[in-house]
């Protein structure tokens, strides 16, 4: 697949190399030729120097033939404008994703209806989770962390508790799977947990906080 990365800072250069390493054709765009020095020595994609809002730059980069465009400059405002421009003038591009750096600018980006990745908000949420309770491990993040999949290990004090009893009153949380002796199963509300099980739950941060608080109270009857 053909992808274009607009912005060759630390984030953009890492993304470009990851896409290239996965076997994709990658074009990196930046206004500063020196920015391309950040690219991995093994990167073999194309680089295009030029104004990120210039029709000429879009043409040389081949935006009209791209399957996806990532806009990851250091300016949230610029990312919003470029993202909106690509989406309006190149409707054939299937994926237009923009980076959000300043959480205060998220509302502006969302107002454009753009798919955004907030590296600052996402990173802060991951660190918060590890500080609060490292026994809950986030394994998948949807959106910008509003809903995530977590893995948690069932200890002896939770042995015998049903899924229904465990999650009752915890709000926005759903049990997705129970892995026992290396074999996963789709649980029902009456599934009884065993010591050593790995529970996979889909939840908001508030839902996980409620579950943690409940578990800290000890096993319920």
C-alpha atoms as a PDB file:
ATOM      1  CA  UNK A   1       0.000   0.000   0.000  1.00  0.00           C
ATOM      2  CA  UNK A   2       1.050   3.601  -0.569  1.00  0.00           C
ATOM      3  CA  UNK A   3       1.209   5.902   2.432  1.00  0.00           C
ATOM      4  CA  UNK A   4       2.263   9.504   2.874  1.00  0.00           C
ATOM      5  CA  UNK A   5       3.612  10.920   6.128  1.00  0.00           C
ATOM      6  CA  UNK A   6       3.516  14.713   6.336  1.00  0.00           C
ATOM      7  CA  UNK A   7       5.976  15.923   8.954  1.00  0.00           C
ATOM      8  CA  UNK A   8       9.366  14.334   9.577  1.00  0.00           C
ATOM      9  CA  UNK A   9       9.916  15.050  13.246  1.00  0.00           C
ATOM     10  CA  UNK A  10      10.559  12.323  15.821  1.00  0.00           C
ATOM     11  CA  UNK A  11       7.009  11.016  15.505  1.00  0.00           C
ATOM     12  CA  UNK A  12       6.832  11.187  11.719  1.00  0.00           C
ATOM     13  CA  UNK A  13      10.221   9.598  11.105  1.00  0.00           C
ATOM     14  CA  UNK A  14       9.364   6.699  13.435  1.00  0.00           C
ATOM     15  CA  UNK A  15       5.979   6.187  11.787  1.00  0.00           C
ATOM     16  CA  UNK A  16       7.496   6.281   8.296  1.00  0.00           C
ATOM     17  CA  UNK A  17      10.090   3.652   9.179  1.00  0.00           C
ATOM     18  CA  UNK A  18       7.485   1.399  10.786  1.00  0.00           C
ATOM     19  CA  UNK A  19       5.302   1.565   7.675  1.00  0.00           C
ATOM     20  CA  UNK A  20       8.311   0.930   5.425  1.00  0.00           C
ATOM     21  CA  UNK A  21       9.439  -2.004   7.577  1.00  0.00           C
ATOM     22  CA  UNK A  22       5.961  -3.505   7.183  1.00  0.00           C
ATOM     23  CA  UNK A  23       6.447  -3.628   3.410  1.00  0.00           C
ATOM     24  CA  UNK A  24       4.572  -0.499   2.353  1.00  0.00           C
ATOM     25  CA  UNK A  25       5.552   2.243  -0.093  1.00  0.00           C
ATOM     26  CA  UNK A  26       6.125   5.424   1.920  1.00  0.00           C
ATOM     27  CA  UNK A  27       6.600   9.064   0.970  1.00  0.00           C
ATOM     28  CA  UNK A  28       7.709  11.517   3.661  1.00  0.00           C
ATOM     29  CA  UNK A  29       6.956  15.223   3.244  1.00  0.00           C
ATOM     30  CA  UNK A  30       8.588  18.087   5.132  1.00  0.00           C
ATOM     31  CA  UNK A  31       9.393  21.741   4.467  1.00  0.00           C
ATOM     32  CA  UNK A  32      12.908  21.367   5.884  1.00  0.00           C
ATOM     33  CA  UNK A  33      15.368  19.135   4.028  1.00  0.00           C
ATOM     34  CA  UNK A  34      17.380  18.631   7.230  1.00  0.00           C
ATOM     35  CA  UNK A  35      14.373  16.941   8.863  1.00  0.00           C
ATOM     36  CA  UNK A  36      14.919  13.889   6.688  1.00  0.00           C
ATOM     37  CA  UNK A  37      18.146  13.230   8.623  1.00  0.00           C
ATOM     38  CA  UNK A  38      15.904  11.815  11.356  1.00  0.00           C
ATOM     39  CA  UNK A  39      14.841   8.917   9.138  1.00  0.00           C
ATOM     40  CA  UNK A  40      16.284   5.502   9.930  1.00  0.00           C
ATOM     41  CA  UNK A  41      19.392   4.673   7.827  1.00  0.00           C
ATOM     42  CA  UNK A  42      17.571   1.658   6.377  1.00  0.00           C
ATOM     43  CA  UNK A  43      14.558   3.674   5.215  1.00  0.00           C
ATOM     44  CA  UNK A  44      14.163   3.356   1.447  1.00  0.00           C
ATOM     45  CA  UNK A  45      11.025   5.367   0.831  1.00  0.00           C
ATOM     46  CA  UNK A  46      10.835   8.700  -1.004  1.00  0.00           C
ATOM     47  CA  UNK A  47      11.235  12.141   0.533  1.00  0.00           C
ATOM     48  CA  UNK A  48       9.594  15.303  -0.778  1.00  0.00           C
ATOM     49  CA  UNK A  49      10.704  18.734   0.384  1.00  0.00           C
ATOM     50  CA  UNK A  50       8.072  21.431   0.124  1.00  0.00           C
ATOM     51  CA  UNK A  51       5.244  23.426   1.656  1.00  0.00           C
ATOM     52  CA  UNK A  52       2.795  20.928   3.152  1.00  0.00           C
ATOM     53  CA  UNK A  53      -0.174  22.932   1.850  1.00  0.00           C
ATOM     54  CA  UNK A  54       1.150  23.405  -1.664  1.00  0.00           C
ATOM     55  CA  UNK A  55      -0.666  21.775  -4.581  1.00  0.00           C
ATOM     56  CA  UNK A  56       2.744  21.161  -6.136  1.00  0.00           C
ATOM     57  CA  UNK A  57       3.926  19.315  -3.019  1.00  0.00           C
ATOM     58  CA  UNK A  58       0.766  17.185  -2.980  1.00  0.00           C
ATOM     59  CA  UNK A  59       1.338  16.362  -6.642  1.00  0.00           C
ATOM     60  CA  UNK A  60       5.000  15.395  -6.216  1.00  0.00           C
ATOM     61  CA  UNK A  61       4.158  13.282  -3.176  1.00  0.00           C
ATOM     62  CA  UNK A  62       1.393  11.471  -5.071  1.00  0.00           C
ATOM     63  CA  UNK A  63      -1.394  12.164  -2.600  1.00  0.00           C
ATOM     64  CA  UNK A  64      -3.993  11.279  -5.239  1.00  0.00           C
ATOM     65  CA  UNK A  65      -2.634   7.710  -5.342  1.00  0.00           C
ATOM     66  CA  UNK A  66      -2.226   7.209  -1.592  1.00  0.00           C
ATOM     67  CA  UNK A  67      -4.231   4.730   0.445  1.00  0.00           C
ATOM     68  CA  UNK A  68      -3.634   6.798   3.566  1.00  0.00           C
ATOM     69  CA  UNK A  69      -2.122  10.073   4.704  1.00  0.00           C
ATOM     70  CA  UNK A  70      -0.766  10.766   8.194  1.00  0.00           C
ATOM     71  CA  UNK A  71      -0.364  14.428   9.128  1.00  0.00           C
ATOM     72  CA  UNK A  72       2.046  14.637  12.060  1.00  0.00           C
ATOM     73  CA  UNK A  73       3.670  18.075  12.051  1.00  0.00           C
ATOM     74  CA  UNK A  74       4.408  19.820  15.346  1.00  0.00           C
ATOM     75  CA  UNK A  75       1.494  22.238  14.831  1.00  0.00           C
ATOM     76  CA  UNK A  76      -2.025  21.100  15.722  1.00  0.00           C
ATOM     77  CA  UNK A  77      -3.497  23.947  13.697  1.00  0.00           C
ATOM     78  CA  UNK A  78      -1.446  23.017  10.644  1.00  0.00           C
ATOM     79  CA  UNK A  79      -2.396  19.366  11.052  1.00  0.00           C
ATOM     80  CA  UNK A  80      -6.084  20.292  11.090  1.00  0.00           C
ATOM     81  CA  UNK A  81      -5.819  22.463   7.975  1.00  0.00           C
ATOM     82  CA  UNK A  82      -3.756  19.916   6.018  1.00  0.00           C
ATOM     83  CA  UNK A  83      -6.027  17.056   7.085  1.00  0.00           C
ATOM     84  CA  UNK A  84      -9.138  18.970   6.034  1.00  0.00           C
ATOM     85  CA  UNK A  85      -7.521  19.905   2.712  1.00  0.00           C
ATOM     86  CA  UNK A  86      -6.572  16.320   1.901  1.00  0.00           C
ATOM     87  CA  UNK A  87     -10.006  15.000   2.808  1.00  0.00           C
ATOM     88  CA  UNK A  88     -11.839  17.619   0.723  1.00  0.00           C
ATOM     89  CA  UNK A  89      -9.614  17.652  -2.363  1.00  0.00           C
ATOM     90  CA  UNK A  90      -8.558  13.998  -2.405  1.00  0.00           C
ATOM     91  CA  UNK A  91     -11.707  12.021  -1.468  1.00  0.00           C
ATOM     92  CA  UNK A  92     -10.137   8.854  -2.877  1.00  0.00           C
ATOM     93  CA  UNK A  93      -7.712   8.731   0.092  1.00  0.00           C
ATOM     94  CA  UNK A  94      -9.260   6.124   2.375  1.00  0.00           C
ATOM     95  CA  UNK A  95      -7.542   7.093   5.625  1.00  0.00           C
ATOM     96  CA  UNK A  96      -6.626  10.596   6.779  1.00  0.00           C
ATOM     97  CA  UNK A  97      -5.195  10.574  10.297  1.00  0.00           C
ATOM     98  CA  UNK A  98      -3.823  13.602  12.130  1.00  0.00           C
ATOM     99  CA  UNK A  99      -1.666  13.881  15.207  1.00  0.00           C
ATOM    100  CA  UNK A 100      -2.780  15.932  18.192  1.00  0.00           C
ATOM    101  CA  UNK A 101       0.002  17.141  20.486  1.00  0.00           C
ATOM    102  CA  UNK A 102      -1.711  19.695  22.751  1.00  0.00           C
ATOM    103  CA  UNK A 103      -4.796  18.177  24.489  1.00  0.00           C
ATOM    104  CA  UNK A 104      -6.326  21.664  24.623  1.00  0.00           C
ATOM    105  CA  UNK A 105      -6.523  21.563  20.809  1.00  0.00           C
ATOM    106  CA  UNK A 106      -8.409  18.261  20.571  1.00  0.00           C
ATOM    107  CA  UNK A 107     -11.823  19.913  20.362  1.00  0.00           C
ATOM    108  CA  UNK A 108     -10.665  21.971  17.385  1.00  0.00           C
ATOM    109  CA  UNK A 109      -9.413  18.888  15.548  1.00  0.00           C
ATOM    110  CA  UNK A 110     -12.564  16.950  16.354  1.00  0.00           C
ATOM    111  CA  UNK A 111     -14.654  19.850  15.006  1.00  0.00           C
ATOM    112  CA  UNK A 112     -13.137  19.109  11.599  1.00  0.00           C
ATOM    113  CA  UNK A 113     -14.395  15.541  11.915  1.00  0.00           C
ATOM    114  CA  UNK A 114     -10.874  14.199  11.535  1.00  0.00           C
ATOM    115  CA  UNK A 115      -9.521  10.900  12.823  1.00  0.00           C
ATOM    116  CA  UNK A 116      -7.004  11.983  15.461  1.00  0.00           C
ATOM    117  CA  UNK A 117      -4.328  10.354  17.565  1.00  0.00           C
ATOM    118  CA  UNK A 118      -3.451  12.312  20.680  1.00  0.00           C
ATOM    119  CA  UNK A 119       0.016  11.108  21.661  1.00  0.00           C
ATOM    120  CA  UNK A 120       0.112  13.306  24.769  1.00  0.00           C
ATOM    121  CA  UNK A 121      -3.317  12.305  26.092  1.00  0.00           C
ATOM    122  CA  UNK A 122      -2.741   8.633  25.265  1.00  0.00           C
ATOM    123  CA  UNK A 123       0.691   8.579  26.922  1.00  0.00           C
ATOM    124  CA  UNK A 124      -0.566  10.354  30.035  1.00  0.00           C
ATOM    125  CA  UNK A 125      -3.427   7.871  30.385  1.00  0.00           C
ATOM    126  CA  UNK A 126      -1.077   4.884  30.058  1.00  0.00           C
ATOM    127  CA  UNK A 127       1.205   6.310  32.747  1.00  0.00           C
ATOM    128  CA  UNK A 128      -1.772   7.011  35.012  1.00  0.00           C
ATOM    129  CA  UNK A 129      -2.881   3.385  34.698  1.00  0.00           C
ATOM    130  CA  UNK A 130       0.562   2.023  35.560  1.00  0.00           C
ATOM    131  CA  UNK A 131       0.868   4.306  38.559  1.00  0.00           C
ATOM    132  CA  UNK A 132      -2.572   3.383  39.906  1.00  0.00           C
ATOM    133  CA  UNK A 133      -2.416  -0.378  39.431  1.00  0.00           C
ATOM    134  CA  UNK A 134       0.097  -2.210  37.204  1.00  0.00           C
ATOM    135  CA  UNK A 135      -1.833  -5.503  37.580  1.00  0.00           C
ATOM    136  CA  UNK A 136      -4.301  -4.199  34.974  1.00  0.00           C
ATOM    137  CA  UNK A 137      -2.534  -4.268  31.614  1.00  0.00           C
ATOM    138  CA  UNK A 138      -3.953  -2.327  28.663  1.00  0.00           C
ATOM    139  CA  UNK A 139      -3.613  -4.485  25.536  1.00  0.00           C
ATOM    140  CA  UNK A 140      -5.630  -2.444  23.034  1.00  0.00           C
ATOM    141  CA  UNK A 141      -6.699   1.179  22.864  1.00  0.00           C
ATOM    142  CA  UNK A 142      -9.652   2.403  20.807  1.00  0.00           C
ATOM    143  CA  UNK A 143      -9.852   6.018  19.717  1.00  0.00           C
ATOM    144  CA  UNK A 144      -7.577   7.967  22.030  1.00  0.00           C
ATOM    145  CA  UNK A 145      -7.965   5.711  25.018  1.00  0.00           C
ATOM    146  CA  UNK A 146     -11.639   6.358  25.778  1.00  0.00           C
ATOM    147  CA  UNK A 147     -12.303   2.597  25.603  1.00  0.00           C
ATOM    148  CA  UNK A 148      -9.618  -0.038  26.071  1.00  0.00           C
ATOM    149  CA  UNK A 149      -9.104  -3.754  26.420  1.00  0.00           C
ATOM    150  CA  UNK A 150      -7.435  -4.726  29.686  1.00  0.00           C
ATOM    151  CA  UNK A 151      -5.994  -8.000  30.906  1.00  0.00           C
ATOM    152  CA  UNK A 152      -6.201  -8.825  34.593  1.00  0.00           C
ATOM    153  CA  UNK A 153      -5.127 -11.909  36.490  1.00  0.00           C
ATOM    154  CA  UNK A 154      -7.512 -13.668  38.837  1.00  0.00           C
ATOM    155  CA  UNK A 155      -5.947 -14.231  42.234  1.00  0.00           C
ATOM    156  CA  UNK A 156      -6.975 -16.711  44.903  1.00  0.00           C
ATOM    157  CA  UNK A 157      -9.312 -14.262  46.658  1.00  0.00           C
ATOM    158  CA  UNK A 158     -11.404 -13.954  43.465  1.00  0.00           C
ATOM    159  CA  UNK A 159     -11.564 -17.724  42.856  1.00  0.00           C
ATOM    160  CA  UNK A 160     -15.154 -18.920  42.408  1.00  0.00           C
ATOM    161  CA  UNK A 161     -16.645 -15.486  41.753  1.00  0.00           C
ATOM    162  CA  UNK A 162     -18.960 -15.299  38.740  1.00  0.00           C
ATOM    163  CA  UNK A 163     -18.536 -12.736  35.958  1.00  0.00           C
ATOM    164  CA  UNK A 164     -21.905 -11.258  36.929  1.00  0.00           C
ATOM    165  CA  UNK A 165     -20.877 -10.785  40.565  1.00  0.00           C
ATOM    166  CA  UNK A 166     -17.516  -9.379  39.586  1.00  0.00           C
ATOM    167  CA  UNK A 167     -18.814  -6.730  37.198  1.00  0.00           C
ATOM    168  CA  UNK A 168     -22.110  -5.865  38.883  1.00  0.00           C
ATOM    169  CA  UNK A 169     -22.207  -2.148  39.666  1.00  0.00           C
ATOM    170  CA  UNK A 170     -18.960  -1.374  37.839  1.00  0.00           C
ATOM    171  CA  UNK A 171     -20.597   0.671  35.092  1.00  0.00           C
ATOM    172  CA  UNK A 172     -19.001   0.867  31.641  1.00  0.00           C
ATOM    173  CA  UNK A 173     -17.213  -2.472  31.500  1.00  0.00           C
ATOM    174  CA  UNK A 174     -17.785  -5.705  29.552  1.00  0.00           C
ATOM    175  CA  UNK A 175     -16.017  -9.045  29.888  1.00  0.00           C
ATOM    176  CA  UNK A 176     -14.699 -10.059  26.465  1.00  0.00           C
ATOM    177  CA  UNK A 177     -12.882 -13.307  27.220  1.00  0.00           C
ATOM    178  CA  UNK A 178     -11.579 -15.631  29.897  1.00  0.00           C
ATOM    179  CA  UNK A 179      -8.328 -17.466  29.217  1.00  0.00           C
ATOM    180  CA  UNK A 180      -7.801 -20.606  31.266  1.00  0.00           C
ATOM    181  CA  UNK A 181      -4.767 -22.878  30.864  1.00  0.00           C
ATOM    182  CA  UNK A 182      -3.920 -21.075  27.639  1.00  0.00           C
ATOM    183  CA  UNK A 183      -7.354 -21.566  26.053  1.00  0.00           C
ATOM    184  CA  UNK A 184      -9.692 -18.598  25.628  1.00  0.00           C
ATOM    185  CA  UNK A 185     -13.466 -18.778  25.878  1.00  0.00           C
ATOM    186  CA  UNK A 186     -16.365 -16.366  25.553  1.00  0.00           C
ATOM    187  CA  UNK A 187     -17.793 -16.079  29.052  1.00  0.00           C
ATOM    188  CA  UNK A 188     -21.406 -15.816  30.144  1.00  0.00           C
ATOM    189  CA  UNK A 189     -22.579 -13.831  33.192  1.00  0.00           C
ATOM    190  CA  UNK A 190     -22.670 -17.117  35.160  1.00  0.00           C
ATOM    191  CA  UNK A 191     -19.113 -18.200  34.255  1.00  0.00           C
ATOM    192  CA  UNK A 192     -17.168 -18.907  37.435  1.00  0.00           C
ATOM    193  CA  UNK A 193     -13.637 -17.579  37.614  1.00  0.00           C
ATOM    194  CA  UNK A 194     -10.707 -19.688  38.755  1.00  0.00           C
ATOM    195  CA  UNK A 195      -7.384 -18.711  40.255  1.00  0.00           C
ATOM    196  CA  UNK A 196      -4.903 -18.153  37.427  1.00  0.00           C
ATOM    197  CA  UNK A 197      -7.507 -17.142  34.862  1.00  0.00           C
ATOM    198  CA  UNK A 198      -6.710 -14.175  32.653  1.00  0.00           C
ATOM    199  CA  UNK A 199      -9.740 -11.941  32.294  1.00  0.00           C
ATOM    200  CA  UNK A 200     -10.007  -9.635  29.278  1.00  0.00           C
ATOM    201  CA  UNK A 201     -12.371  -6.722  29.779  1.00  0.00           C
ATOM    202  CA  UNK A 202     -13.430  -3.848  27.546  1.00  0.00           C
ATOM    203  CA  UNK A 203     -13.900  -0.713  29.594  1.00  0.00           C
ATOM    204  CA  UNK A 204     -13.662   3.007  30.015  1.00  0.00           C
ATOM    205  CA  UNK A 205     -11.192   4.343  32.556  1.00  0.00           C
ATOM    206  CA  UNK A 206     -14.089   4.990  34.941  1.00  0.00           C
ATOM    207  CA  UNK A 207     -15.261   1.408  34.542  1.00  0.00           C
ATOM    208  CA  UNK A 208     -11.820   0.046  35.370  1.00  0.00           C
ATOM    209  CA  UNK A 209     -11.540   2.367  38.375  1.00  0.00           C
ATOM    210  CA  UNK A 210     -14.861   1.012  39.669  1.00  0.00           C
ATOM    211  CA  UNK A 211     -13.704  -2.570  39.192  1.00  0.00           C
ATOM    212  CA  UNK A 212     -10.419  -1.893  40.988  1.00  0.00           C
ATOM    213  CA  UNK A 213     -12.274  -0.318  43.902  1.00  0.00           C
ATOM    214  CA  UNK A 214     -14.634  -3.287  44.125  1.00  0.00           C
ATOM    215  CA  UNK A 215     -11.811  -5.826  44.080  1.00  0.00           C
ATOM    216  CA  UNK A 216      -9.984  -3.960  46.817  1.00  0.00           C
ATOM    217  CA  UNK A 217     -12.990  -4.424  49.051  1.00  0.00           C
ATOM    218  CA  UNK A 218     -12.446  -8.175  48.884  1.00  0.00           C
ATOM    219  CA  UNK A 219     -14.473 -11.059  47.575  1.00  0.00           C
ATOM    220  CA  UNK A 220     -18.237 -10.587  47.884  1.00  0.00           C
ATOM    221  CA  UNK A 221     -20.653 -13.263  48.858  1.00  0.00           C
END
